[in-house]
Structure formats: C-alpha cells, structure tokens
Amino acid sequence: MTPETAPPRRVAVLMFDDVEVLDFAGPFEVFGVARGPDETFAFEVFTVALEAGPVVARNGLCVNPHACAADIGRVDVLVVPGGRGTRREMGRPDMLEFVRAASAQAQLTLSVCTGALILGAAGLLRGLAATTHYAALNELRALDCARVLPRARVVDNGRILTATGVSAGIDGALHVVARTLGEAHAAETARYMQYDWRRRRVARWSPPG
C-alpha cells in the first residue's frame, strides 16, 4: 500500500478532568489539519476518556470525548496531555493500565507537559529520556526514567516522545507529522496554522548499550 492510498492514521487524544486545554487542543489541531501527499487529511484524530460522559478541562471548559477507552479500537498515535489532573490520574490503576495497553499497540506515544508523569507512573519511561513542564521537572526526576532533558522542547526516544509545557505539544505533534509524512508536510501544516516552528529543539535519545 503506497502513502497515497494508505488510510488516515488514527490519533487518540486522552482526556480527563483538569486537563490543560492547549495540551490537548494543540496536538488535536495539528493532526486535524495535516495533509498527506495526495492532499487528503492524513490523520483521523479523536478524543478518548476512560468512561463515557463530559470531561471538565482547565478553567471549566466542558468537552464531550468522542469515545471511551473500551471502544477506541486500533490506535496509531496516542497523545497523553498534562494539567493538574495528571497527579490524580497517575494514581489510578485503570488509567495506567489503559495507557500501557494503548501505547503498546500504538506506533507512537506523545506526552505533553505533565502527561509525562502519567507515562512515568505507567512504567513507560524506564530507561528513556524525557522532559516535561519546567515546574514539574523534579516530579519527573522522581520517576523511573534514565535522564531528564529540561532544555529540549521535544524528546524523541523512537516510539515514546515527550514535550515540555503547554504550547510545546504543537511542536511535538509537528515532529510526529515530520516523522510520518516528511518535513515538508510538517512545515506546510505549521504554515497553515501560522505557527512559528523554527525553535524546534528536538533531542533524540537512544539508551546506552
């Protein structure tokens, strides 16, 4: 199957109460507008929560997720945003089990901001490098990851990627577009969004040995 005839990659954006708005909305926009070589939309992006029903994001924004965890089917990219709610969610066994399972069958997993804490609590950063919002770096250091890279805007471990705070989720999502479709398509997506993507600061990490 050629890239021109490949079906859109399915992107699941995780939702939970007290999620940071731009953490999920930035990547949602990137994946929602990115186009492939044949100028059709390259991604099918949707929101998912553990249970059916509305989610109340930061500042009281009410969002109705497209799907609940049991019904999402195949996922190519999992996006785990951050926000104050991550401290609650990283202590929920059902949330951690969902993230582990969804990440295991996805091609790529991208966390934004303190979404990295959920990945760390789920054991997905073991032996990897990671970053998060500057105010949560010590919390990330307390988890089981090999190295914290506070200066990188995006850390790319291969299958697992982390981005720093809030607006950096746009950079992380554009980097995923670049990896899957090519730099030109990512640059065109950024141009359409009128987003300045020159300060990328992507750190690629390979575990020693």
Protein backbone atom coordinates (compact mmCIF):
# COMPACT_ATOMS: atom_id res chain seq x y z
CA MET A 1 0.00 0.00 0.00
CA THR A 2 1.52 3.34 -1.04
CA PRO A 3 1.41 6.50 1.12
CA GLU A 4 -1.09 7.95 -1.35
CA THR A 5 -3.59 5.14 -0.71
CA ALA A 6 -2.88 4.47 2.98
CA PRO A 7 -5.83 5.10 5.31
CA PRO A 8 -5.53 8.01 7.76
CA ARG A 9 -3.50 7.23 10.86
CA ARG A 10 -5.73 7.12 13.93
CA VAL A 11 -4.72 9.53 16.71
CA ALA A 12 -6.30 9.17 20.17
CA VAL A 13 -6.01 12.20 22.46
CA LEU A 14 -6.54 11.22 26.08
CA MET A 15 -8.95 13.33 28.15
CA PHE A 16 -9.53 13.61 31.88
CA ASP A 17 -10.83 16.21 34.34
CA ASP A 18 -8.48 19.18 34.86
CA VAL A 19 -6.58 18.51 31.64
CA GLU A 20 -4.70 21.56 30.31
CA VAL A 21 -6.62 22.94 27.33
CA LEU A 22 -3.76 23.70 24.94
CA ASP A 23 -2.05 20.43 25.86
CA PHE A 24 -4.79 18.52 24.08
CA ALA A 25 -6.12 21.20 21.71
CA GLY A 26 -2.71 22.00 20.17
CA PRO A 27 -1.94 18.44 19.02
CA PHE A 28 -5.60 17.96 18.08
CA GLU A 29 -5.34 20.92 15.70
CA VAL A 30 -2.03 19.76 14.21
CA PHE A 31 -3.26 16.25 13.48
CA GLY A 32 -6.64 17.54 12.41
CA VAL A 33 -5.29 19.78 9.63
CA ALA A 34 -2.19 17.85 8.45
CA ARG A 35 -2.49 16.60 4.88
CA GLY A 36 -0.66 13.81 3.15
CA PRO A 37 0.93 13.57 -0.32
CA ASP A 38 -2.45 13.36 -2.06
CA GLU A 39 -3.76 16.43 -0.15
CA THR A 40 -6.28 14.37 1.85
CA PHE A 41 -6.27 14.56 5.64
CA ALA A 42 -3.51 12.27 6.90
CA PHE A 43 -4.86 11.64 10.40
CA GLU A 44 -8.16 10.71 11.99
CA VAL A 45 -7.94 12.43 15.36
CA PHE A 46 -10.38 11.88 18.20
CA THR A 47 -10.61 12.35 21.96
CA VAL A 48 -10.96 9.44 24.37
CA ALA A 49 -11.71 9.17 28.09
CA LEU A 50 -11.86 6.18 30.38
CA GLU A 51 -15.62 6.47 30.79
CA ALA A 52 -18.40 7.97 28.69
CA GLY A 53 -19.55 11.46 29.59
CA PRO A 54 -18.19 15.01 29.61
CA VAL A 55 -14.74 16.00 30.85
CA VAL A 56 -14.16 19.35 32.55
CA ALA A 57 -10.82 20.77 31.42
CA ARG A 58 -8.93 23.67 32.96
CA ASN A 59 -10.93 26.87 33.54
CA GLY A 60 -14.21 24.94 33.33
CA LEU A 61 -14.12 24.09 29.62
CA CYS A 62 -16.52 21.18 29.16
CA VAL A 63 -15.60 18.65 26.47
CA ASN A 64 -17.51 15.58 25.31
CA PRO A 65 -14.91 12.97 24.29
CA HIS A 66 -15.59 11.12 21.06
CA ALA A 67 -15.10 7.68 22.61
CA CYS A 68 -14.49 5.80 25.82
CA ALA A 69 -11.47 3.60 26.33
CA ALA A 70 -13.25 0.32 25.71
CA ASP A 71 -14.42 1.37 22.25
CA ILE A 72 -11.46 3.02 20.52
CA GLY A 73 -10.10 0.07 18.55
CA ARG A 74 -6.78 0.40 16.75
CA VAL A 75 -4.69 3.48 17.53
CA ASP A 76 -1.58 4.58 15.62
CA VAL A 77 -0.66 7.57 17.80
CA LEU A 78 -1.55 8.08 21.47
CA VAL A 79 -1.38 11.63 22.87
CA VAL A 80 -1.25 12.00 26.66
CA PRO A 81 -1.70 15.66 27.66
CA GLY A 82 -0.96 17.20 31.04
CA GLY A 83 -2.60 19.50 33.52
CA ARG A 84 -3.39 19.46 37.21
CA GLY A 85 -5.45 16.33 36.74
CA THR A 86 -2.36 14.26 35.96
CA ARG A 87 -1.50 13.98 39.67
CA ARG A 88 -4.82 12.25 40.24
CA GLU A 89 -4.69 10.15 37.09
CA MET A 90 -1.17 8.85 37.68
CA GLY A 91 -2.50 7.20 40.83
CA ARG A 92 -5.42 5.45 39.08
CA PRO A 93 -4.62 1.83 38.18
CA ASP A 94 -7.30 1.75 35.45
CA MET A 95 -5.83 4.85 33.80
CA LEU A 96 -2.30 3.47 33.92
CA GLU A 97 -3.43 0.13 32.53
CA PHE A 98 -5.23 1.85 29.65
CA VAL A 99 -2.19 3.99 28.82
CA ARG A 100 0.12 0.95 28.92
CA ALA A 101 -2.19 -1.08 26.68
CA ALA A 102 -2.89 1.73 24.21
CA SER A 103 0.78 2.67 23.99
CA ALA A 104 1.85 -0.94 23.46
CA GLN A 105 -0.24 -1.28 20.31
CA ALA A 106 0.36 2.26 19.00
CA GLN A 107 3.22 3.14 16.70
CA LEU A 108 3.99 6.32 18.65
CA THR A 109 3.08 7.77 22.04
CA LEU A 110 3.44 11.51 22.66
CA SER A 111 3.07 13.12 26.06
CA VAL A 112 2.64 16.87 26.53
CA CYS A 113 3.61 18.77 29.66
CA THR A 114 2.87 16.73 32.82
CA GLY A 115 1.41 13.95 30.72
CA ALA A 116 4.98 12.65 31.08
CA LEU A 117 4.17 11.93 34.73
CA ILE A 118 1.42 9.56 33.63
CA LEU A 119 3.83 7.81 31.27
CA GLY A 120 6.38 7.56 34.05
CA ALA A 121 3.87 6.21 36.55
CA ALA A 122 2.83 3.63 33.93
CA GLY A 123 6.44 2.48 33.60
CA LEU A 124 6.77 3.67 30.01
CA LEU A 125 9.78 5.93 30.57
CA ARG A 126 12.01 3.27 32.12
CA GLY A 127 15.47 3.54 30.58
CA LEU A 128 14.42 6.51 28.42
CA ALA A 129 14.98 10.26 28.41
CA ALA A 130 12.08 12.65 28.95
CA THR A 131 11.03 16.21 29.54
CA THR A 132 8.02 18.00 30.98
CA HIS A 133 6.85 21.43 32.15
CA TYR A 134 9.62 23.28 33.96
CA ALA A 135 7.56 23.34 37.18
CA ALA A 136 7.29 19.53 37.22
CA LEU A 137 10.87 18.54 36.43
CA ASN A 138 11.57 17.34 39.97
CA GLU A 139 8.42 15.23 39.91
CA LEU A 140 9.63 13.67 36.68
CA ARG A 141 13.08 13.05 38.16
CA ALA A 142 11.43 11.10 40.98
CA LEU A 143 10.02 8.64 38.43
CA ASP A 144 11.86 5.81 36.73
CA CYS A 145 13.37 7.42 33.64
CA ALA A 146 17.01 7.33 32.66
CA ARG A 147 17.54 11.04 32.07
CA VAL A 148 15.59 14.29 32.28
CA LEU A 149 16.36 16.79 29.50
CA PRO A 150 14.95 20.16 30.61
CA ARG A 151 16.43 22.15 27.71
CA ALA A 152 14.84 20.06 24.96
CA ARG A 153 11.41 21.14 23.76
CA VAL A 154 10.72 17.62 22.46
CA VAL A 155 12.50 14.39 23.41
CA ASP A 156 12.28 11.58 20.84
CA ASN A 157 13.09 8.07 22.09
CA GLY A 158 11.72 6.38 18.99
CA ARG A 159 8.30 5.06 19.99
CA ILE A 160 7.94 7.32 23.06
CA LEU A 161 8.11 11.10 22.75
CA THR A 162 7.68 13.79 25.40
CA ALA A 163 7.20 17.54 25.01
CA THR A 164 7.62 20.32 27.54
CA GLY A 165 4.78 22.55 28.68
CA VAL A 166 1.53 23.55 27.05
CA SER A 167 2.35 25.09 23.63
CA ALA A 168 5.19 22.57 23.14
CA GLY A 169 2.55 19.97 22.37
CA ILE A 170 2.21 21.68 18.99
CA ASP A 171 5.93 21.16 18.39
CA GLY A 172 5.67 17.54 19.47
CA ALA A 173 2.75 16.88 17.14
CA LEU A 174 4.50 18.63 14.24
CA HIS A 175 7.54 16.45 14.89
CA VAL A 176 5.31 13.37 14.65
CA VAL A 177 3.95 14.71 11.34
CA ALA A 178 7.51 15.21 10.12
CA ARG A 179 8.44 11.66 11.09
CA THR A 180 5.42 10.06 9.47
CA LEU A 181 4.84 12.29 6.41
CA GLY A 182 8.11 14.19 5.97
CA GLU A 183 9.46 17.61 6.89
CA ALA A 184 7.72 19.37 4.01
CA HIS A 185 4.27 18.26 5.17
CA ALA A 186 5.03 19.29 8.75
CA ALA A 187 6.26 22.70 7.58
CA GLU A 188 3.12 23.15 5.50
CA THR A 189 0.96 22.23 8.49
CA ALA A 190 2.78 24.82 10.62
CA ARG A 191 2.38 27.41 7.85
CA TYR A 192 -1.35 26.77 7.63
CA MET A 193 -1.61 27.20 11.41
CA GLN A 194 0.58 30.32 11.16
CA TYR A 195 2.78 28.76 13.84
CA ASP A 196 6.46 29.62 14.13
CA TRP A 197 8.15 26.24 14.17
CA ARG A 198 11.75 27.43 13.95
CA ARG A 199 12.58 26.78 17.61
CA ARG A 200 12.19 23.00 17.48
CA ARG A 201 14.92 21.82 19.89
CA VAL A 202 14.30 18.11 19.41
CA ALA A 203 16.59 15.79 21.36
CA ARG A 204 16.86 12.22 20.09
CA TRP A 205 17.77 9.66 22.73
CA SER A 206 19.00 6.11 22.42
CA PRO A 207 19.53 4.13 25.65
CA PRO A 208 23.22 3.31 26.27
CA GLY A 209 24.20 -0.14 25.07
